Amino acid sequence: MKWFRTLHSLAYQWLGCTHTDIIQRQDFKDFYNECGVDISKSIKVDDVAVGEEDSGLSLIDLYRVKNTSLEHEFQKHGHVVGGLQRLQRIDKLYRMFKKEKRSERLHRLNHRI
């Protein structure tokens, strides 16, 4: 089965992703410690939800996947706890956090080479 790949691994390869581009379990803990928001509740691992979904966090993933806006998905799906401003704040914090983590990993990788 030399050429067998999952869809996830094909997408990972075609997008040119490296392990520094993927958020890892420890990152969820770090994000919670730094920002006070448990985003691990919005993810699914092997089609099994990790914890109960925090109201609205899936909208952040949805707008990115659909290439729409957070505002559009919020209006379409109705009320969520904390409202749109809360989701915008979490989205901004998460993007900054992810950028910082990627930078840290690249820095560590460069020092190993």
PDB file of N, CA and C in Angstrom:
ATOM      1  N   MET A   1       0.825  -1.185   0.000  1.00  0.00           N
ATOM      2  CA  MET A   1       0.000   0.000   0.000  1.00  0.00           C
ATOM      3  C   MET A   1       0.871   1.250   0.000  1.00  0.00           C
ATOM      4  N   LYS A   2       1.828   1.255  -0.852  1.00  0.00           N
ATOM      5  CA  LYS A   2       2.773   2.355  -0.924  1.00  0.00           C
ATOM      6  C   LYS A   2       2.086   3.703  -1.184  1.00  0.00           C
ATOM      7  N   TRP A   3       1.054   3.728  -2.010  1.00  0.00           N
ATOM      8  CA  TRP A   3       0.436   4.988  -2.415  1.00  0.00           C
ATOM      9  C   TRP A   3      -0.820   5.334  -1.631  1.00  0.00           C
ATOM     10  N   PHE A   4      -1.183   4.560  -0.646  1.00  0.00           N
ATOM     11  CA  PHE A   4      -2.385   4.840   0.140  1.00  0.00           C
ATOM     12  C   PHE A   4      -2.141   6.013   1.079  1.00  0.00           C
ATOM     13  N   ARG A   5      -3.082   6.945   1.093  1.00  0.00           N
ATOM     14  CA  ARG A   5      -3.008   8.102   2.001  1.00  0.00           C
ATOM     15  C   ARG A   5      -4.427   8.476   2.414  1.00  0.00           C
ATOM     16  N   THR A   6      -4.555   9.037   3.590  1.00  0.00           N
ATOM     17  CA  THR A   6      -5.855   9.552   4.004  1.00  0.00           C
ATOM     18  C   THR A   6      -6.075  10.911   3.343  1.00  0.00           C
ATOM     19  N   LEU A   7      -7.306  11.358   3.326  1.00  0.00           N
ATOM     20  CA  LEU A   7      -7.586  12.682   2.767  1.00  0.00           C
ATOM     21  C   LEU A   7      -6.867  13.775   3.548  1.00  0.00           C
ATOM     22  N   HIS A   8      -6.792  13.591   4.871  1.00  0.00           N
ATOM     23  CA  HIS A   8      -6.091  14.580   5.695  1.00  0.00           C
ATOM     24  C   HIS A   8      -4.616  14.661   5.329  1.00  0.00           C
ATOM     25  N   SER A   9      -3.985  13.510   5.120  1.00  0.00           N
ATOM     26  CA  SER A   9      -2.557  13.535   4.802  1.00  0.00           C
ATOM     27  C   SER A   9      -2.317  14.102   3.409  1.00  0.00           C
ATOM     28  N   LEU A  10      -3.235  13.849   2.470  1.00  0.00           N
ATOM     29  CA  LEU A  10      -3.108  14.440   1.134  1.00  0.00           C
ATOM     30  C   LEU A  10      -3.245  15.958   1.200  1.00  0.00           C
ATOM     31  N   ALA A  11      -4.244  16.430   1.924  1.00  0.00           N
ATOM     32  CA  ALA A  11      -4.436  17.876   2.069  1.00  0.00           C
ATOM     33  C   ALA A  11      -3.217  18.512   2.741  1.00  0.00           C
ATOM     34  N   TYR A  12      -2.724  17.854   3.774  1.00  0.00           N
ATOM     35  CA  TYR A  12      -1.534  18.322   4.502  1.00  0.00           C
ATOM     36  C   TYR A  12      -0.359  18.466   3.527  1.00  0.00           C
ATOM     37  N   GLN A  13      -0.165  17.457   2.686  1.00  0.00           N
ATOM     38  CA  GLN A  13       0.942  17.459   1.726  1.00  0.00           C
ATOM     39  C   GLN A  13       0.720  18.510   0.637  1.00  0.00           C
ATOM     40  N   TRP A  14      -0.466  18.563   0.063  1.00  0.00           N
ATOM     41  CA  TRP A  14      -0.751  19.497  -1.032  1.00  0.00           C
ATOM     42  C   TRP A  14      -0.691  20.951  -0.591  1.00  0.00           C
ATOM     43  N   LEU A  15      -1.030  21.214   0.659  1.00  0.00           N
ATOM     44  CA  LEU A  15      -0.972  22.578   1.170  1.00  0.00           C
ATOM     45  C   LEU A  15       0.440  22.981   1.581  1.00  0.00           C
ATOM     46  N   GLY A  16       1.354  22.011   1.555  1.00  0.00           N
ATOM     47  CA  GLY A  16       2.729  22.301   1.939  1.00  0.00           C
ATOM     48  C   GLY A  16       2.898  22.517   3.427  1.00  0.00           C
ATOM     49  N   CYS A  17       2.030  21.905   4.219  1.00  0.00           N
ATOM     50  CA  CYS A  17       2.087  22.078   5.673  1.00  0.00           C
ATOM     51  C   CYS A  17       3.254  21.303   6.271  1.00  0.00           C
ATOM     52  N   THR A  18       3.741  21.818   7.360  1.00  0.00           N
ATOM     53  CA  THR A  18       4.727  21.115   8.163  1.00  0.00           C
ATOM     54  C   THR A  18       4.144  20.958   9.556  1.00  0.00           C
ATOM     55  N   HIS A  19       4.833  20.226  10.412  1.00  0.00           N
ATOM     56  CA  HIS A  19       4.303  20.030  11.766  1.00  0.00           C
ATOM     57  C   HIS A  19       4.192  21.346  12.527  1.00  0.00           C
ATOM     58  N   THR A  20       4.910  22.378  12.097  1.00  0.00           N
ATOM     59  CA  THR A  20       4.809  23.675  12.774  1.00  0.00           C
ATOM     60  C   THR A  20       3.494  24.386  12.465  1.00  0.00           C
ATOM     61  N   ASP A  21       2.794  23.938  11.416  1.00  0.00           N
ATOM     62  CA  ASP A  21       1.534  24.568  11.035  1.00  0.00           C
ATOM     63  C   ASP A  21       0.334  23.996  11.771  1.00  0.00           C
ATOM     64  N   ILE A  22       0.515  22.892  12.449  1.00  0.00           N
ATOM     65  CA  ILE A  22      -0.595  22.183  13.067  1.00  0.00           C
ATOM     66  C   ILE A  22      -0.589  22.418  14.578  1.00  0.00           C
ATOM     67  N   ILE A  23      -1.749  22.818  15.090  1.00  0.00           N
ATOM     68  CA  ILE A  23      -1.900  23.014  16.531  1.00  0.00           C
ATOM     69  C   ILE A  23      -1.926  21.655  17.215  1.00  0.00           C
ATOM     70  N   GLN A  24      -1.194  21.541  18.301  1.00  0.00           N
ATOM     71  CA  GLN A  24      -1.090  20.282  19.026  1.00  0.00           C
ATOM     72  C   GLN A  24      -1.826  20.380  20.361  1.00  0.00           C
ATOM     73  N   ARG A  25      -2.068  19.240  20.999  1.00  0.00           N
ATOM     74  CA  ARG A  25      -2.833  19.204  22.256  1.00  0.00           C
ATOM     75  C   ARG A  25      -2.281  20.171  23.309  1.00  0.00           C
ATOM     76  N   GLN A  26      -0.979  20.224  23.452  1.00  0.00           N
ATOM     77  CA  GLN A  26      -0.384  21.117  24.440  1.00  0.00           C
ATOM     78  C   GLN A  26      -0.721  22.576  24.140  1.00  0.00           C
ATOM     79  N   ASP A  27      -0.880  22.893  22.866  1.00  0.00           N
ATOM     80  CA  ASP A  27      -1.226  24.258  22.489  1.00  0.00           C
ATOM     81  C   ASP A  27      -2.580  24.668  23.045  1.00  0.00           C
ATOM     82  N   PHE A  28      -3.525  23.738  23.081  1.00  0.00           N
ATOM     83  CA  PHE A  28      -4.841  24.048  23.647  1.00  0.00           C
ATOM     84  C   PHE A  28      -4.719  24.399  25.124  1.00  0.00           C
ATOM     85  N   LYS A  29      -3.880  23.649  25.828  1.00  0.00           N
ATOM     86  CA  LYS A  29      -3.658  23.936  27.250  1.00  0.00           C
ATOM     87  C   LYS A  29      -2.985  25.294  27.419  1.00  0.00           C
ATOM     88  N   ASP A  30      -1.980  25.557  26.581  1.00  0.00           N
ATOM     89  CA  ASP A  30      -1.275  26.832  26.649  1.00  0.00           C
ATOM     90  C   ASP A  30      -2.221  28.006  26.359  1.00  0.00           C
ATOM     91  N   PHE A  31      -3.087  27.837  25.352  1.00  0.00           N
ATOM     92  CA  PHE A  31      -4.038  28.895  25.008  1.00  0.00           C
ATOM     93  C   PHE A  31      -4.972  29.165  26.176  1.00  0.00           C
ATOM     94  N   TYR A  32      -5.431  28.106  26.817  1.00  0.00           N
ATOM     95  CA  TYR A  32      -6.305  28.271  27.981  1.00  0.00           C
ATOM     96  C   TYR A  32      -5.578  29.012  29.103  1.00  0.00           C
ATOM     97  N   ASN A  33      -4.331  28.624  29.369  1.00  0.00           N
ATOM     98  CA  ASN A  33      -3.554  29.265  30.433  1.00  0.00           C
ATOM     99  C   ASN A  33      -3.287  30.737  30.137  1.00  0.00           C
ATOM    100  N   GLU A  34      -3.042  31.078  28.869  1.00  0.00           N
ATOM    101  CA  GLU A  34      -2.718  32.451  28.496  1.00  0.00           C
ATOM    102  C   GLU A  34      -3.961  33.328  28.313  1.00  0.00           C
ATOM    103  N   CYS A  35      -5.048  32.744  27.764  1.00  0.00           N
ATOM    104  CA  CYS A  35      -6.204  33.547  27.370  1.00  0.00           C
ATOM    105  C   CYS A  35      -7.475  33.249  28.151  1.00  0.00           C
ATOM    106  N   GLY A  36      -7.476  32.142  28.903  1.00  0.00           N
ATOM    107  CA  GLY A  36      -8.642  31.793  29.706  1.00  0.00           C
ATOM    108  C   GLY A  36      -9.812  31.230  28.930  1.00  0.00           C
ATOM    109  N   VAL A  37      -9.569  30.781  27.697  1.00  0.00           N
ATOM    110  CA  VAL A  37     -10.636  30.220  26.868  1.00  0.00           C
ATOM    111  C   VAL A  37     -10.246  28.799  26.489  1.00  0.00           C
ATOM    112  N   ASP A  38     -11.143  27.862  26.760  1.00  0.00           N
ATOM    113  CA  ASP A  38     -10.881  26.459  26.443  1.00  0.00           C
ATOM    114  C   ASP A  38     -11.378  26.164  25.041  1.00  0.00           C
ATOM    115  N   ILE A  39     -10.493  26.269  24.045  1.00  0.00           N
ATOM    116  CA  ILE A  39     -10.884  26.013  22.660  1.00  0.00           C
ATOM    117  C   ILE A  39     -10.873  24.532  22.325  1.00  0.00           C
ATOM    118  N   SER A  40     -10.354  23.701  23.210  1.00  0.00           N
ATOM    119  CA  SER A  40     -10.327  22.262  22.930  1.00  0.00           C
ATOM    120  C   SER A  40     -11.738  21.700  22.844  1.00  0.00           C
ATOM    121  N   LYS A  41     -12.696  22.396  23.417  1.00  0.00           N
ATOM    122  CA  LYS A  41     -14.083  21.923  23.379  1.00  0.00           C
ATOM    123  C   LYS A  41     -14.707  22.078  21.998  1.00  0.00           C
ATOM    124  N   SER A  42     -14.068  22.835  21.123  1.00  0.00           N
ATOM    125  CA  SER A  42     -14.642  23.056  19.803  1.00  0.00           C
ATOM    126  C   SER A  42     -14.077  22.119  18.750  1.00  0.00           C
ATOM    127  N   ILE A  43     -13.118  21.277  19.123  1.00  0.00           N
ATOM    128  CA  ILE A  43     -12.499  20.394  18.134  1.00  0.00           C
ATOM    129  C   ILE A  43     -13.042  18.993  18.256  1.00  0.00           C
ATOM    130  N   LYS A  44     -12.821  18.226  17.206  1.00  0.00           N
ATOM    131  CA  LYS A  44     -13.184  16.816  17.219  1.00  0.00           C
ATOM    132  C   LYS A  44     -11.943  16.021  16.863  1.00  0.00           C
ATOM    133  N   VAL A  45     -11.741  14.940  17.560  1.00  0.00           N
ATOM    134  CA  VAL A  45     -10.619  14.057  17.290  1.00  0.00           C
ATOM    135  C   VAL A  45     -11.193  12.700  16.927  1.00  0.00           C
ATOM    136  N   ASP A  46     -10.872  12.216  15.734  1.00  0.00           N
ATOM    137  CA  ASP A  46     -11.390  10.933  15.259  1.00  0.00           C
ATOM    138  C   ASP A  46     -12.908  10.864  15.387  1.00  0.00           C
ATOM    139  N   ASP A  47     -13.586  11.947  14.990  1.00  0.00           N
ATOM    140  CA  ASP A  47     -15.046  12.033  15.003  1.00  0.00           C
ATOM    141  C   ASP A  47     -15.661  11.913  16.395  1.00  0.00           C
ATOM    142  N   VAL A  48     -14.873  12.111  17.432  1.00  0.00           N
ATOM    143  CA  VAL A  48     -15.386  12.105  18.797  1.00  0.00           C
ATOM    144  C   VAL A  48     -15.112  13.484  19.384  1.00  0.00           C
ATOM    145  N   ALA A  49     -16.132  14.146  19.838  1.00  0.00           N
ATOM    146  CA  ALA A  49     -15.962  15.482  20.387  1.00  0.00           C
ATOM    147  C   ALA A  49     -15.138  15.432  21.657  1.00  0.00           C
ATOM    148  N   VAL A  50     -14.232  16.376  21.797  1.00  0.00           N
ATOM    149  CA  VAL A  50     -13.432  16.501  23.013  1.00  0.00           C
ATOM    150  C   VAL A  50     -14.178  17.449  23.928  1.00  0.00           C
ATOM    151  N   GLY A  51     -14.806  16.931  24.955  1.00  0.00           N
ATOM    152  CA  GLY A  51     -15.605  17.766  25.848  1.00  0.00           C
ATOM    153  C   GLY A  51     -16.876  18.213  25.152  1.00  0.00           C
ATOM    154  N   GLU A  52     -17.613  19.073  25.783  1.00  0.00           N
ATOM    155  CA  GLU A  52     -18.815  19.619  25.173  1.00  0.00           C
ATOM    156  C   GLU A  52     -18.449  20.920  24.484  1.00  0.00           C
ATOM    157  N   GLU A  53     -19.002  21.106  23.312  1.00  0.00           N
ATOM    158  CA  GLU A  53     -18.655  22.288  22.532  1.00  0.00           C
ATOM    159  C   GLU A  53     -19.074  23.558  23.247  1.00  0.00           C
ATOM    160  N   ASP A  54     -18.142  24.479  23.342  1.00  0.00           N
ATOM    161  CA  ASP A  54     -18.435  25.792  23.906  1.00  0.00           C
ATOM    162  C   ASP A  54     -19.250  26.553  22.872  1.00  0.00           C
ATOM    163  N   SER A  55     -20.349  27.078  23.264  1.00  0.00           N
ATOM    164  CA  SER A  55     -21.287  27.719  22.350  1.00  0.00           C
ATOM    165  C   SER A  55     -20.600  28.733  21.437  1.00  0.00           C
ATOM    166  N   GLY A  56     -20.685  28.475  20.148  1.00  0.00           N
ATOM    167  CA  GLY A  56     -20.193  29.430  19.164  1.00  0.00           C
ATOM    168  C   GLY A  56     -18.803  29.199  18.633  1.00  0.00           C
ATOM    169  N   LEU A  57     -17.964  28.461  19.336  1.00  0.00           N
ATOM    170  CA  LEU A  57     -16.592  28.299  18.861  1.00  0.00           C
ATOM    171  C   LEU A  57     -16.519  27.601  17.507  1.00  0.00           C
ATOM    172  N   SER A  58     -17.485  26.744  17.212  1.00  0.00           N
ATOM    173  CA  SER A  58     -17.481  26.074  15.909  1.00  0.00           C
ATOM    174  C   SER A  58     -17.708  27.070  14.775  1.00  0.00           C
ATOM    175  N   LEU A  59     -18.326  28.211  15.070  1.00  0.00           N
ATOM    176  CA  LEU A  59     -18.533  29.229  14.039  1.00  0.00           C
ATOM    177  C   LEU A  59     -17.212  29.815  13.555  1.00  0.00           C
ATOM    178  N   ILE A  60     -16.222  29.853  14.438  1.00  0.00           N
ATOM    179  CA  ILE A  60     -14.902  30.350  14.048  1.00  0.00           C
ATOM    180  C   ILE A  60     -14.292  29.417  13.010  1.00  0.00           C
ATOM    181  N   ASP A  61     -14.377  28.119  13.248  1.00  0.00           N
ATOM    182  CA  ASP A  61     -13.879  27.153  12.263  1.00  0.00           C
ATOM    183  C   ASP A  61     -14.709  27.208  10.985  1.00  0.00           C
ATOM    184  N   LEU A  62     -16.015  27.335  11.142  1.00  0.00           N
ATOM    185  CA  LEU A  62     -16.922  27.312  10.001  1.00  0.00           C
ATOM    186  C   LEU A  62     -16.645  28.451   9.029  1.00  0.00           C
ATOM    187  N   TYR A  63     -16.460  29.658   9.539  1.00  0.00           N
ATOM    188  CA  TYR A  63     -16.228  30.773   8.616  1.00  0.00           C
ATOM    189  C   TYR A  63     -14.903  30.635   7.885  1.00  0.00           C
ATOM    190  N   ARG A  64     -13.925  30.044   8.534  1.00  0.00           N
ATOM    191  CA  ARG A  64     -12.636  29.846   7.866  1.00  0.00           C
ATOM    192  C   ARG A  64     -12.742  28.791   6.772  1.00  0.00           C
ATOM    193  N   VAL A  65     -13.421  27.698   7.071  1.00  0.00           N
ATOM    194  CA  VAL A  65     -13.577  26.609   6.106  1.00  0.00           C
ATOM    195  C   VAL A  65     -14.402  27.071   4.907  1.00  0.00           C
ATOM    196  N   LYS A  66     -15.465  27.822   5.176  1.00  0.00           N
ATOM    197  CA  LYS A  66     -16.361  28.263   4.109  1.00  0.00           C
ATOM    198  C   LYS A  66     -15.877  29.541   3.420  1.00  0.00           C
ATOM    199  N   ASN A  67     -14.811  30.139   3.951  1.00  0.00           N
ATOM    200  CA  ASN A  67     -14.267  31.382   3.418  1.00  0.00           C
ATOM    201  C   ASN A  67     -15.335  32.484   3.397  1.00  0.00           C
ATOM    202  N   THR A  68     -16.057  32.590   4.504  1.00  0.00           N
ATOM    203  CA  THR A  68     -17.040  33.655   4.672  1.00  0.00           C
ATOM    204  C   THR A  68     -16.511  34.589   5.752  1.00  0.00           C
ATOM    205  N   SER A  69     -17.371  35.175   6.521  1.00  0.00           N
ATOM    206  CA  SER A  69     -16.927  36.006   7.641  1.00  0.00           C
ATOM    207  C   SER A  69     -17.570  35.482   8.920  1.00  0.00           C
ATOM    208  N   LEU A  70     -16.941  35.794  10.028  1.00  0.00           N
ATOM    209  CA  LEU A  70     -17.489  35.400  11.318  1.00  0.00           C
ATOM    210  C   LEU A  70     -18.856  36.059  11.521  1.00  0.00           C
ATOM    211  N   GLU A  71     -18.979  37.304  11.098  1.00  0.00           N
ATOM    212  CA  GLU A  71     -20.240  38.022  11.223  1.00  0.00           C
ATOM    213  C   GLU A  71     -21.349  37.312  10.453  1.00  0.00           C
ATOM    214  N   HIS A  72     -21.040  36.853   9.235  1.00  0.00           N
ATOM    215  CA  HIS A  72     -22.025  36.157   8.404  1.00  0.00           C
ATOM    216  C   HIS A  72     -22.501  34.868   9.084  1.00  0.00           C
ATOM    217  N   GLU A  73     -21.565  34.076   9.578  1.00  0.00           N
ATOM    218  CA  GLU A  73     -21.935  32.807  10.215  1.00  0.00           C
ATOM    219  C   GLU A  73     -22.693  33.046  11.523  1.00  0.00           C
ATOM    220  N   PHE A  74     -22.307  34.088  12.241  1.00  0.00           N
ATOM    221  CA  PHE A  74     -23.006  34.425  13.488  1.00  0.00           C
ATOM    222  C   PHE A  74     -24.462  34.796  13.194  1.00  0.00           C
ATOM    223  N   GLN A  75     -24.676  35.648  12.190  1.00  0.00           N
ATOM    224  CA  GLN A  75     -26.035  36.061  11.833  1.00  0.00           C
ATOM    225  C   GLN A  75     -26.855  34.871  11.340  1.00  0.00           C
ATOM    226  N   LYS A  76     -26.233  34.000  10.599  1.00  0.00           N
ATOM    227  CA  LYS A  76     -26.924  32.842  10.016  1.00  0.00           C
ATOM    228  C   LYS A  76     -27.345  31.827  11.078  1.00  0.00           C
ATOM    229  N   HIS A  77     -26.509  31.648  12.108  1.00  0.00           N
ATOM    230  CA  HIS A  77     -26.742  30.598  13.090  1.00  0.00           C
ATOM    231  C   HIS A  77     -27.353  31.092  14.395  1.00  0.00           C
ATOM    232  N   GLY A  78     -27.527  32.382  14.527  1.00  0.00           N
ATOM    233  CA  GLY A  78     -28.248  32.885  15.683  1.00  0.00           C
ATOM    234  C   GLY A  78     -27.391  33.133  16.910  1.00  0.00           C
ATOM    235  N   HIS A  79     -28.058  33.226  18.027  1.00  0.00           N
ATOM    236  CA  HIS A  79     -27.451  33.612  19.297  1.00  0.00           C
ATOM    237  C   HIS A  79     -26.450  32.579  19.810  1.00  0.00           C
ATOM    238  N   VAL A  80     -25.350  33.061  20.329  1.00  0.00           N
ATOM    239  CA  VAL A  80     -24.395  32.229  21.056  1.00  0.00           C
ATOM    240  C   VAL A  80     -24.018  32.964  22.333  1.00  0.00           C
ATOM    241  N   VAL A  81     -23.601  32.228  23.318  1.00  0.00           N
ATOM    242  CA  VAL A  81     -23.230  32.806  24.610  1.00  0.00           C
ATOM    243  C   VAL A  81     -22.107  33.824  24.409  1.00  0.00           C
ATOM    244  N   GLY A  82     -22.293  35.010  24.928  1.00  0.00           N
ATOM    245  CA  GLY A  82     -21.271  36.049  24.846  1.00  0.00           C
ATOM    246  C   GLY A  82     -21.356  36.906  23.603  1.00  0.00           C
ATOM    247  N   GLY A  83     -22.109  36.477  22.619  1.00  0.00           N
ATOM    248  CA  GLY A  83     -22.327  37.274  21.420  1.00  0.00           C
ATOM    249  C   GLY A  83     -21.151  37.323  20.456  1.00  0.00           C
ATOM    250  N   LEU A  84     -21.333  38.113  19.426  1.00  0.00           N
ATOM    251  CA  LEU A  84     -20.348  38.242  18.350  1.00  0.00           C
ATOM    252  C   LEU A  84     -19.031  38.821  18.848  1.00  0.00           C
ATOM    253  N   GLN A  85     -19.080  39.794  19.732  1.00  0.00           N
ATOM    254  CA  GLN A  85     -17.843  40.418  20.222  1.00  0.00           C
ATOM    255  C   GLN A  85     -16.946  39.387  20.908  1.00  0.00           C
ATOM    256  N   ARG A  86     -17.546  38.486  21.671  1.00  0.00           N
ATOM    257  CA  ARG A  86     -16.772  37.437  22.337  1.00  0.00           C
ATOM    258  C   ARG A  86     -16.075  36.544  21.303  1.00  0.00           C
ATOM    259  N   LEU A  87     -16.824  36.150  20.260  1.00  0.00           N
ATOM    260  CA  LEU A  87     -16.240  35.293  19.221  1.00  0.00           C
ATOM    261  C   LEU A  87     -15.126  36.016  18.467  1.00  0.00           C
ATOM    262  N   GLN A  88     -15.326  37.295  18.183  1.00  0.00           N
ATOM    263  CA  GLN A  88     -14.282  38.072  17.505  1.00  0.00           C
ATOM    264  C   GLN A  88     -13.022  38.160  18.361  1.00  0.00           C
ATOM    265  N   ARG A  89     -13.203  38.359  19.659  1.00  0.00           N
ATOM    266  CA  ARG A  89     -12.061  38.429  20.581  1.00  0.00           C
ATOM    267  C   ARG A  89     -11.305  37.106  20.609  1.00  0.00           C
ATOM    268  N   ILE A  90     -12.053  36.000  20.713  1.00  0.00           N
ATOM    269  CA  ILE A  90     -11.424  34.668  20.743  1.00  0.00           C
ATOM    270  C   ILE A  90     -10.702  34.406  19.431  1.00  0.00           C
ATOM    271  N   ASP A  91     -11.333  34.746  18.318  1.00  0.00           N
ATOM    272  CA  ASP A  91     -10.724  34.532  17.002  1.00  0.00           C
ATOM    273  C   ASP A  91      -9.409  35.303  16.882  1.00  0.00           C
ATOM    274  N   LYS A  92      -9.422  36.545  17.305  1.00  0.00           N
ATOM    275  CA  LYS A  92      -8.213  37.368  17.236  1.00  0.00           C
ATOM    276  C   LYS A  92      -7.114  36.805  18.141  1.00  0.00           C
ATOM    277  N   LEU A  93      -7.479  36.455  19.371  1.00  0.00           N
ATOM    278  CA  LEU A  93      -6.502  35.875  20.297  1.00  0.00           C
ATOM    279  C   LEU A  93      -5.915  34.581  19.746  1.00  0.00           C
ATOM    280  N   TYR A  94      -6.783  33.751  19.162  1.00  0.00           N
ATOM    281  CA  TYR A  94      -6.347  32.465  18.627  1.00  0.00           C
ATOM    282  C   TYR A  94      -5.388  32.646  17.450  1.00  0.00           C
ATOM    283  N   ARG A  95      -5.702  33.575  16.531  1.00  0.00           N
ATOM    284  CA  ARG A  95      -4.807  33.825  15.396  1.00  0.00           C
ATOM    285  C   ARG A  95      -3.446  34.332  15.868  1.00  0.00           C
ATOM    286  N   MET A  96      -3.438  35.234  16.848  1.00  0.00           N
ATOM    287  CA  MET A  96      -2.174  35.749  17.384  1.00  0.00           C
ATOM    288  C   MET A  96      -1.399  34.629  18.080  1.00  0.00           C
ATOM    289  N   PHE A  97      -2.109  33.817  18.854  1.00  0.00           N
ATOM    290  CA  PHE A  97      -1.492  32.708  19.570  1.00  0.00           C
ATOM    291  C   PHE A  97      -0.871  31.713  18.595  1.00  0.00           C
ATOM    292  N   LYS A  98      -1.611  31.366  17.548  1.00  0.00           N
ATOM    293  CA  LYS A  98      -1.126  30.397  16.566  1.00  0.00           C
ATOM    294  C   LYS A  98       0.107  30.930  15.835  1.00  0.00           C
ATOM    295  N   LYS A  99       0.101  32.203  15.496  1.00  0.00           N
ATOM    296  CA  LYS A  99       1.242  32.818  14.826  1.00  0.00           C
ATOM    297  C   LYS A  99       2.476  32.787  15.732  1.00  0.00           C
ATOM    298  N   GLU A 100       2.265  33.095  16.998  1.00  0.00           N
ATOM    299  CA  GLU A 100       3.354  33.074  17.975  1.00  0.00           C
ATOM    300  C   GLU A 100       3.918  31.657  18.146  1.00  0.00           C
ATOM    301  N   LYS A 101       3.026  30.662  18.244  1.00  0.00           N
ATOM    302  CA  LYS A 101       3.469  29.267  18.399  1.00  0.00           C
ATOM    303  C   LYS A 101       4.258  28.808  17.183  1.00  0.00           C
ATOM    304  N   ARG A 102       3.777  29.163  15.998  1.00  0.00           N
ATOM    305  CA  ARG A 102       4.473  28.767  14.773  1.00  0.00           C
ATOM    306  C   ARG A 102       5.868  29.387  14.742  1.00  0.00           C
ATOM    307  N   SER A 103       5.956  30.633  15.132  1.00  0.00           N
ATOM    308  CA  SER A 103       7.239  31.321  15.166  1.00  0.00           C
ATOM    309  C   SER A 103       8.199  30.649  16.157  1.00  0.00           C
ATOM    310  N   GLU A 104       7.673  30.282  17.335  1.00  0.00           N
ATOM    311  CA  GLU A 104       8.496  29.595  18.336  1.00  0.00           C
ATOM    312  C   GLU A 104       9.011  28.253  17.812  1.00  0.00           C
ATOM    313  N   ARG A 105       8.148  27.490  17.146  1.00  0.00           N
ATOM    314  CA  ARG A 105       8.544  26.179  16.621  1.00  0.00           C
ATOM    315  C   ARG A 105       9.584  26.317  15.531  1.00  0.00           C
ATOM    316  N   LEU A 106       9.409  27.288  14.647  1.00  0.00           N
ATOM    317  CA  LEU A 106      10.395  27.509  13.593  1.00  0.00           C
ATOM    318  C   LEU A 106      11.731  27.914  14.185  1.00  0.00           C
ATOM    319  N   HIS A 107      11.695  28.734  15.220  1.00  0.00           N
ATOM    320  CA  HIS A 107      12.915  29.161  15.891  1.00  0.00           C
ATOM    321  C   HIS A 107      13.651  27.950  16.487  1.00  0.00           C
ATOM    322  N   ARG A 108      12.903  27.070  17.176  1.00  0.00           N
ATOM    323  CA  ARG A 108      13.510  25.870  17.750  1.00  0.00           C
ATOM    324  C   ARG A 108      14.056  24.954  16.671  1.00  0.00           C
ATOM    325  N   LEU A 109      13.320  24.835  15.561  1.00  0.00           N
ATOM    326  CA  LEU A 109      13.745  23.972  14.453  1.00  0.00           C
ATOM    327  C   LEU A 109      15.035  24.499  13.842  1.00  0.00           C
ATOM    328  N   ASN A 110      15.140  25.803  13.649  1.00  0.00           N
ATOM    329  CA  ASN A 110      16.343  26.403  13.060  1.00  0.00           C
ATOM    330  C   ASN A 110      17.554  26.201  13.951  1.00  0.00           C
ATOM    331  N   HIS A 111      17.352  26.170  15.250  1.00  0.00           N
ATOM    332  CA  HIS A 111      18.474  25.965  16.162  1.00  0.00           C
ATOM    333  C   HIS A 111      18.954  24.512  16.168  1.00  0.00           C
ATOM    334  N   ARG A 112      18.088  23.606  15.763  1.00  0.00           N
ATOM    335  CA  ARG A 112      18.481  22.201  15.685  1.00  0.00           C
ATOM    336  C   ARG A 112      19.298  21.906  14.441  1.00  0.00           C
ATOM    337  N   ILE A 113      19.102  22.717  13.411  1.00  0.00           N
ATOM    338  CA  ILE A 113      19.777  22.462  12.125  1.00  0.00           C
ATOM    339  C   ILE A 113      21.203  22.915  12.143  1.00  0.00           C
TER     340      ILE A 113
END
